[in-house]
PDB file of N, CA and C in Angstrom:
ATOM      1  N   UNK A   1      77.330  88.012 101.320  1.00  0.00           N
ATOM      2  CA  UNK A   1      78.619  88.255 100.717  1.00  0.00           C
ATOM      3  C   UNK A   1      78.570  87.987  99.219  1.00  0.00           C
ATOM      4  N   UNK A   2      77.858  86.938  98.827  1.00  0.00           N
ATOM      5  CA  UNK A   2      77.784  86.617  97.403  1.00  0.00           C
ATOM      6  C   UNK A   2      76.991  87.685  96.648  1.00  0.00           C
ATOM      7  N   UNK A   3      76.001  88.261  97.302  1.00  0.00           N
ATOM      8  CA  UNK A   3      75.244  89.335  96.647  1.00  0.00           C
ATOM      9  C   UNK A   3      76.121  90.564  96.455  1.00  0.00           C
ATOM     10  N   UNK A   4      76.956  90.842  97.462  1.00  0.00           N
ATOM     11  CA  UNK A   4      77.880  91.968  97.352  1.00  0.00           C
ATOM     12  C   UNK A   4      78.849  91.754  96.202  1.00  0.00           C
ATOM     13  N   UNK A   5      79.433  90.564  96.119  1.00  0.00           N
ATOM     14  CA  UNK A   5      80.367  90.268  95.031  1.00  0.00           C
ATOM     15  C   UNK A   5      79.668  90.280  93.675  1.00  0.00           C
ATOM     16  N   UNK A   6      78.430  89.834  93.645  1.00  0.00           N
ATOM     17  CA  UNK A   6      77.685  89.825  92.388  1.00  0.00           C
ATOM     18  C   UNK A   6      77.457  91.244  91.873  1.00  0.00           C
ATOM     19  N   UNK A   7      77.342  92.206  92.762  1.00  0.00           N
ATOM     20  CA  UNK A   7      77.143  93.592  92.337  1.00  0.00           C
ATOM     21  C   UNK A   7      78.469  94.297  92.066  1.00  0.00           C
ATOM     22  N   UNK A   8      79.494  93.969  92.813  1.00  0.00           N
ATOM     23  CA  UNK A   8      80.772  94.671  92.713  1.00  0.00           C
ATOM     24  C   UNK A   8      81.609  94.163  91.536  1.00  0.00           C
ATOM     25  N   UNK A   9      81.560  92.876  91.240  1.00  0.00           N
ATOM     26  CA  UNK A   9      82.400  92.300  90.196  1.00  0.00           C
ATOM     27  C   UNK A   9      82.171  92.927  88.822  1.00  0.00           C
ATOM     28  N   UNK A  10      80.931  93.087  88.361  1.00  0.00           N
ATOM     29  CA  UNK A  10      80.744  93.751  87.064  1.00  0.00           C
ATOM     30  C   UNK A  10      81.243  95.200  87.070  1.00  0.00           C
ATOM     31  N   UNK A  11      81.112  95.871  88.205  1.00  0.00           N
ATOM     32  CA  UNK A  11      81.589  97.239  88.302  1.00  0.00           C
ATOM     33  C   UNK A  11      83.106  97.296  88.148  1.00  0.00           C
ATOM     34  N   UNK A  12      83.822  96.372  88.764  1.00  0.00           N
ATOM     35  CA  UNK A  12      85.276  96.323  88.625  1.00  0.00           C
ATOM     36  C   UNK A  12      85.698  96.019  87.194  1.00  0.00           C
ATOM     37  N   UNK A  13      84.998  95.095  86.551  1.00  0.00           N
ATOM     38  CA  UNK A  13      85.315  94.753  85.158  1.00  0.00           C
ATOM     39  C   UNK A  13      85.050  95.949  84.261  1.00  0.00           C
ATOM     40  N   UNK A  14      83.945  96.626  84.466  1.00  0.00           N
ATOM     41  CA  UNK A  14      83.606  97.800  83.666  1.00  0.00           C
ATOM     42  C   UNK A  14      84.620  98.914  83.889  1.00  0.00           C
ATOM     43  N   UNK A  15      85.024  99.104  85.126  1.00  0.00           N
ATOM     44  CA  UNK A  15      86.007 100.136  85.426  1.00  0.00           C
ATOM     45  C   UNK A  15      87.358  99.856  84.796  1.00  0.00           C
ATOM     46  N   UNK A  16      87.778  98.603  84.802  1.00  0.00           N
ATOM     47  CA  UNK A  16      89.071  98.272  84.199  1.00  0.00           C
ATOM     48  C   UNK A  16      89.006  98.374  82.681  1.00  0.00           C
ATOM     49  N   UNK A  17      87.838  98.168  82.088  1.00  0.00           N
ATOM     50  CA  UNK A  17      87.711  98.270  80.640  1.00  0.00           C
ATOM     51  C   UNK A  17      87.844  99.719  80.180  1.00  0.00           C
ATOM     52  N   UNK A  18      87.446 100.663  81.015  1.00  0.00           N
ATOM     53  CA  UNK A  18      87.508 102.068  80.646  1.00  0.00           C
ATOM     54  C   UNK A  18      88.732 102.787  81.207  1.00  0.00           C
ATOM     55  N   UNK A  19      89.623 102.053  81.831  1.00  0.00           N
ATOM     56  CA  UNK A  19      90.814 102.676  82.410  1.00  0.00           C
ATOM     57  C   UNK A  19      91.750 103.142  81.299  1.00  0.00           C
ATOM     58  N   UNK A  20      92.361 104.275  81.536  1.00  0.00           N
ATOM     59  CA  UNK A  20      93.299 104.806  80.548  1.00  0.00           C
ATOM     60  C   UNK A  20      94.627 104.073  80.674  1.00  0.00           C
ATOM     61  N   UNK A  21      95.353 104.040  79.553  1.00  0.00           N
ATOM     62  CA  UNK A  21      96.685 103.441  79.593  1.00  0.00           C
ATOM     63  C   UNK A  21      97.592 104.294  80.461  1.00  0.00           C
ATOM     64  N   UNK A  22      98.437 103.626  81.209  1.00  0.00           N
ATOM     65  CA  UNK A  22      99.349 104.341  82.101  1.00  0.00           C
ATOM     66  C   UNK A  22     100.646 104.607  81.362  1.00  0.00           C
ATOM     67  N   UNK A  23     101.015 105.852  81.330  1.00  0.00           N
ATOM     68  CA  UNK A  23     102.282 106.242  80.724  1.00  0.00           C
ATOM     69  C   UNK A  23     103.201 106.708  81.833  1.00  0.00           C
ATOM     70  N   UNK A  24     104.481 106.388  81.696  1.00  0.00           N
ATOM     71  CA  UNK A  24     105.435 106.834  82.699  1.00  0.00           C
ATOM     72  C   UNK A  24     105.564 108.346  82.634  1.00  0.00           C
ATOM     73  N   UNK A  25     105.527 108.953  83.794  1.00  0.00           N
ATOM     74  CA  UNK A  25     105.690 110.400  83.871  1.00  0.00           C
ATOM     75  C   UNK A  25     107.152 110.742  83.599  1.00  0.00           C
ATOM     76  N   UNK A  26     107.387 111.846  82.936  1.00  0.00           N
ATOM     77  CA  UNK A  26     108.783 112.216  82.690  1.00  0.00           C
ATOM     78  C   UNK A  26     109.487 112.552  84.001  1.00  0.00           C
ATOM     79  N   UNK A  27     110.764 112.250  84.053  1.00  0.00           N
ATOM     80  CA  UNK A  27     111.545 112.513  85.257  1.00  0.00           C
ATOM     81  C   UNK A  27     111.725 114.020  85.401  1.00  0.00           C
ATOM     82  N   UNK A  28     111.423 114.499  86.590  1.00  0.00           N
ATOM     83  CA  UNK A  28     111.530 115.921  86.846  1.00  0.00           C
ATOM     84  C   UNK A  28     113.002 116.323  86.918  1.00  0.00           C
ATOM     85  N   UNK A  29     113.322 117.425  86.271  1.00  0.00           N
ATOM     86  CA  UNK A  29     114.712 117.891  86.276  1.00  0.00           C
ATOM     87  C   UNK A  29     115.004 118.771  87.480  1.00  0.00           C
ATOM     88  N   UNK A  30     113.985 119.304  88.093  1.00  0.00           N
ATOM     89  CA  UNK A  30     114.178 120.132  89.276  1.00  0.00           C
ATOM     90  C   UNK A  30     113.493 119.473  90.469  1.00  0.00           C
ATOM     91  N   UNK A  31     113.969 119.799  91.633  1.00  0.00           N
ATOM     92  CA  UNK A  31     113.408 119.247  92.865  1.00  0.00           C
ATOM     93  C   UNK A  31     112.629 120.344  93.562  1.00  0.00           C
ATOM     94  N   UNK A  32     111.434 120.011  94.018  1.00  0.00           N
ATOM     95  CA  UNK A  32     110.610 120.960  94.735  1.00  0.00           C
ATOM     96  C   UNK A  32     111.023 120.926  96.213  1.00  0.00           C
ATOM     97  N   UNK A  33     111.974 121.774  96.583  1.00  0.00           N
ATOM     98  CA  UNK A  33     112.519 121.771  97.938  1.00  0.00           C
ATOM     99  C   UNK A  33     111.489 122.217  98.970  1.00  0.00           C
ATOM    100  N   UNK A  34     110.576 123.070  98.575  1.00  0.00           N
ATOM    101  CA  UNK A  34     109.559 123.526  99.530  1.00  0.00           C
ATOM    102  C   UNK A  34     108.703 122.350  99.983  1.00  0.00           C
ATOM    103  N   UNK A  35     108.305 121.512  99.059  1.00  0.00           N
ATOM    104  CA  UNK A  35     107.508 120.339  99.400  1.00  0.00           C
ATOM    105  C   UNK A  35     108.263 119.362 100.279  1.00  0.00           C
ATOM    106  N   UNK A  36     109.542 119.177  99.983  1.00  0.00           N
ATOM    107  CA  UNK A  36     110.361 118.267 100.789  1.00  0.00           C
ATOM    108  C   UNK A  36     110.520 118.800 102.205  1.00  0.00           C
ATOM    109  N   UNK A  37     110.771 120.090 102.338  1.00  0.00           N
ATOM    110  CA  UNK A  37     110.942 120.695 103.662  1.00  0.00           C
ATOM    111  C   UNK A  37     109.643 120.625 104.461  1.00  0.00           C
ATOM    112  N   UNK A  38     108.518 120.911 103.814  1.00  0.00           N
ATOM    113  CA  UNK A  38     107.224 120.833 104.501  1.00  0.00           C
ATOM    114  C   UNK A  38     106.957 119.401 104.964  1.00  0.00           C
ATOM    115  N   UNK A  39     107.257 118.429 104.096  1.00  0.00           N
ATOM    116  CA  UNK A  39     107.069 117.032 104.467  1.00  0.00           C
ATOM    117  C   UNK A  39     107.935 116.674 105.671  1.00  0.00           C
ATOM    118  N   UNK A  40     109.202 117.068 105.646  1.00  0.00           N
ATOM    119  CA  UNK A  40     110.102 116.738 106.750  1.00  0.00           C
ATOM    120  C   UNK A  40     109.657 117.396 108.054  1.00  0.00           C
ATOM    121  N   UNK A  41     109.215 118.649 107.981  1.00  0.00           N
ATOM    122  CA  UNK A  41     108.762 119.341 109.189  1.00  0.00           C
ATOM    123  C   UNK A  41     107.547 118.625 109.786  1.00  0.00           C
ATOM    124  N   UNK A  42     106.608 118.247 108.939  1.00  0.00           N
ATOM    125  CA  UNK A  42     105.408 117.562 109.426  1.00  0.00           C
ATOM    126  C   UNK A  42     105.761 116.174 109.955  1.00  0.00           C
ATOM    127  N   UNK A  43     106.607 115.451 109.235  1.00  0.00           N
ATOM    128  CA  UNK A  43     106.966 114.089 109.639  1.00  0.00           C
ATOM    129  C   UNK A  43     107.771 114.094 110.937  1.00  0.00           C
ATOM    130  N   UNK A  44     108.815 114.901 111.000  1.00  0.00           N
ATOM    131  CA  UNK A  44     109.651 114.945 112.199  1.00  0.00           C
ATOM    132  C   UNK A  44     108.859 115.543 113.360  1.00  0.00           C
ATOM    133  N   UNK A  45     108.112 116.607 113.105  1.00  0.00           N
ATOM    134  CA  UNK A  45     107.312 117.222 114.171  1.00  0.00           C
ATOM    135  C   UNK A  45     106.267 116.268 114.714  1.00  0.00           C
ATOM    136  N   UNK A  46     105.621 115.529 113.836  1.00  0.00           N
ATOM    137  CA  UNK A  46     104.623 114.561 114.288  1.00  0.00           C
ATOM    138  C   UNK A  46     105.235 113.436 115.095  1.00  0.00           C
ATOM    139  N   UNK A  47     106.408 112.963 114.660  1.00  0.00           N
ATOM    140  CA  UNK A  47     107.082 111.887 115.376  1.00  0.00           C
ATOM    141  C   UNK A  47     107.540 112.350 116.755  1.00  0.00           C
ATOM    142  N   UNK A  48     108.159 113.519 116.810  1.00  0.00           N
ATOM    143  CA  UNK A  48     108.616 114.062 118.097  1.00  0.00           C
ATOM    144  C   UNK A  48     107.428 114.325 119.008  1.00  0.00           C
ATOM    145  N   UNK A  49     106.363 114.898 118.474  1.00  0.00           N
ATOM    146  CA  UNK A  49     105.169 115.156 119.276  1.00  0.00           C
ATOM    147  C   UNK A  49     104.534 113.880 119.797  1.00  0.00           C
ATOM    148  N   UNK A  50     104.541 112.843 118.978  1.00  0.00           N
ATOM    149  CA  UNK A  50     103.982 111.557 119.392  1.00  0.00           C
ATOM    150  C   UNK A  50     104.757 110.981 120.570  1.00  0.00           C
ATOM    151  N   UNK A  51     106.079 110.942 120.455  1.00  0.00           N
ATOM    152  CA  UNK A  51     106.887 110.382 121.542  1.00  0.00           C
ATOM    153  C   UNK A  51     106.853 111.271 122.781  1.00  0.00           C
ATOM    154  N   UNK A  52     106.786 112.585 122.603  1.00  0.00           N
ATOM    155  CA  UNK A  52     106.679 113.490 123.747  1.00  0.00           C
ATOM    156  C   UNK A  52     105.380 113.223 124.496  1.00  0.00           C
ATOM    157  N   UNK A  53     104.304 113.026 123.746  1.00  0.00           N
ATOM    158  CA  UNK A  53     102.997 112.762 124.373  1.00  0.00           C
ATOM    159  C   UNK A  53     103.014 111.438 125.124  1.00  0.00           C
ATOM    160  N   UNK A  54     103.662 110.434 124.553  1.00  0.00           N
ATOM    161  CA  UNK A  54     103.762 109.140 125.226  1.00  0.00           C
ATOM    162  C   UNK A  54     104.548 109.284 126.522  1.00  0.00           C
ATOM    163  N   UNK A  55     105.659 110.014 126.491  1.00  0.00           N
ATOM    164  CA  UNK A  55     106.472 110.209 127.691  1.00  0.00           C
ATOM    165  C   UNK A  55     105.691 110.958 128.765  1.00  0.00           C
ATOM    166  N   UNK A  56     104.935 111.987 128.374  1.00  0.00           N
ATOM    167  CA  UNK A  56     104.151 112.747 129.345  1.00  0.00           C
ATOM    168  C   UNK A  56     103.067 111.873 129.974  1.00  0.00           C
ATOM    169  N   UNK A  57     102.427 111.061 129.152  1.00  0.00           N
ATOM    170  CA  UNK A  57     101.369 110.196 129.670  1.00  0.00           C
ATOM    171  C   UNK A  57     101.956 109.134 130.605  1.00  0.00           C
ATOM    172  N   UNK A  58     103.118 108.593 130.245  1.00  0.00           N
ATOM    173  CA  UNK A  58     103.773 107.605 131.092  1.00  0.00           C
ATOM    174  C   UNK A  58     104.200 108.230 132.416  1.00  0.00           C
ATOM    175  N   UNK A  59     104.695 109.451 132.359  1.00  0.00           N
ATOM    176  CA  UNK A  59     105.115 110.160 133.570  1.00  0.00           C
ATOM    177  C   UNK A  59     103.912 110.385 134.497  1.00  0.00           C
ATOM    178  N   UNK A  60     102.782 110.775 133.914  1.00  0.00           N
ATOM    179  CA  UNK A  60     101.573 111.008 134.704  1.00  0.00           C
ATOM    180  C   UNK A  60     101.072 109.703 135.321  1.00  0.00           C
ATOM    181  N   UNK A  61     101.142 108.607 134.565  1.00  0.00           N
ATOM    182  CA  UNK A  61     100.703 107.310 135.071  1.00  0.00           C
ATOM    183  C   UNK A  61     101.565 106.882 136.252  1.00  0.00           C
ATOM    184  N   UNK A  62     102.880 107.095 136.157  1.00  0.00           N
ATOM    185  CA  UNK A  62     103.770 106.732 137.268  1.00  0.00           C
ATOM    186  C   UNK A  62     103.470 107.586 138.498  1.00  0.00           C
ATOM    187  N   UNK A  63     103.176 108.872 138.313  1.00  0.00           N
ATOM    188  CA  UNK A  63     102.843 109.723 139.443  1.00  0.00           C
ATOM    189  C   UNK A  63     101.540 109.285 140.087  1.00  0.00           C
ATOM    190  N   UNK A  64     100.543 108.907 139.289  1.00  0.00           N
ATOM    191  CA  UNK A  64      99.269 108.425 139.824  1.00  0.00           C
ATOM    192  C   UNK A  64      99.457 107.121 140.593  1.00  0.00           C
ATOM    193  N   UNK A  65     100.321 106.227 140.080  1.00  0.00           N
ATOM    194  CA  UNK A  65     100.579 104.976 140.773  1.00  0.00           C
ATOM    195  C   UNK A  65     101.253 105.217 142.129  1.00  0.00           C
ATOM    196  N   UNK A  66     102.162 106.183 142.172  1.00  0.00           N
ATOM    197  CA  UNK A  66     102.838 106.499 143.429  1.00  0.00           C
ATOM    198  C   UNK A  66     101.848 107.082 144.440  1.00  0.00           C
ATOM    199  N   UNK A  67     100.913 107.889 143.962  1.00  0.00           N
ATOM    200  CA  UNK A  67      99.917 108.472 144.869  1.00  0.00           C
ATOM    201  C   UNK A  67      99.006 107.366 145.429  1.00  0.00           C
ATOM    202  N   UNK A  68      98.680 106.372 144.601  1.00  0.00           N
ATOM    203  CA  UNK A  68      97.826 105.290 145.086  1.00  0.00           C
ATOM    204  C   UNK A  68      98.535 104.418 146.111  1.00  0.00           C
ATOM    205  N   UNK A  69      99.844 104.224 145.949  1.00  0.00           N
ATOM    206  CA  UNK A  69     100.610 103.408 146.897  1.00  0.00           C
ATOM    207  C   UNK A  69     100.800 104.132 148.231  1.00  0.00           C
ATOM    208  N   UNK A  70     100.851 105.450 148.200  1.00  0.00           N
ATOM    209  CA  UNK A  70     101.103 106.211 149.434  1.00  0.00           C
ATOM    210  C   UNK A  70      99.871 106.335 150.296  1.00  0.00           C
TER     211      UNK A  70
END
């Protein structure tokens, strides 16, 4: 671990020395609605798909348990 830190520490110091100053980006006057809609479709679709998959798997597990009991 000390050898790893001995190699990584100078690299971090060197990288921070050459880092550019951060300037605040200007506030956008327009909103990119296409990006927002795409994000919402992916986020909501992924969430719904995730819970649907969990419900299907739980349903299958309950059916398998019933078959084992019978």
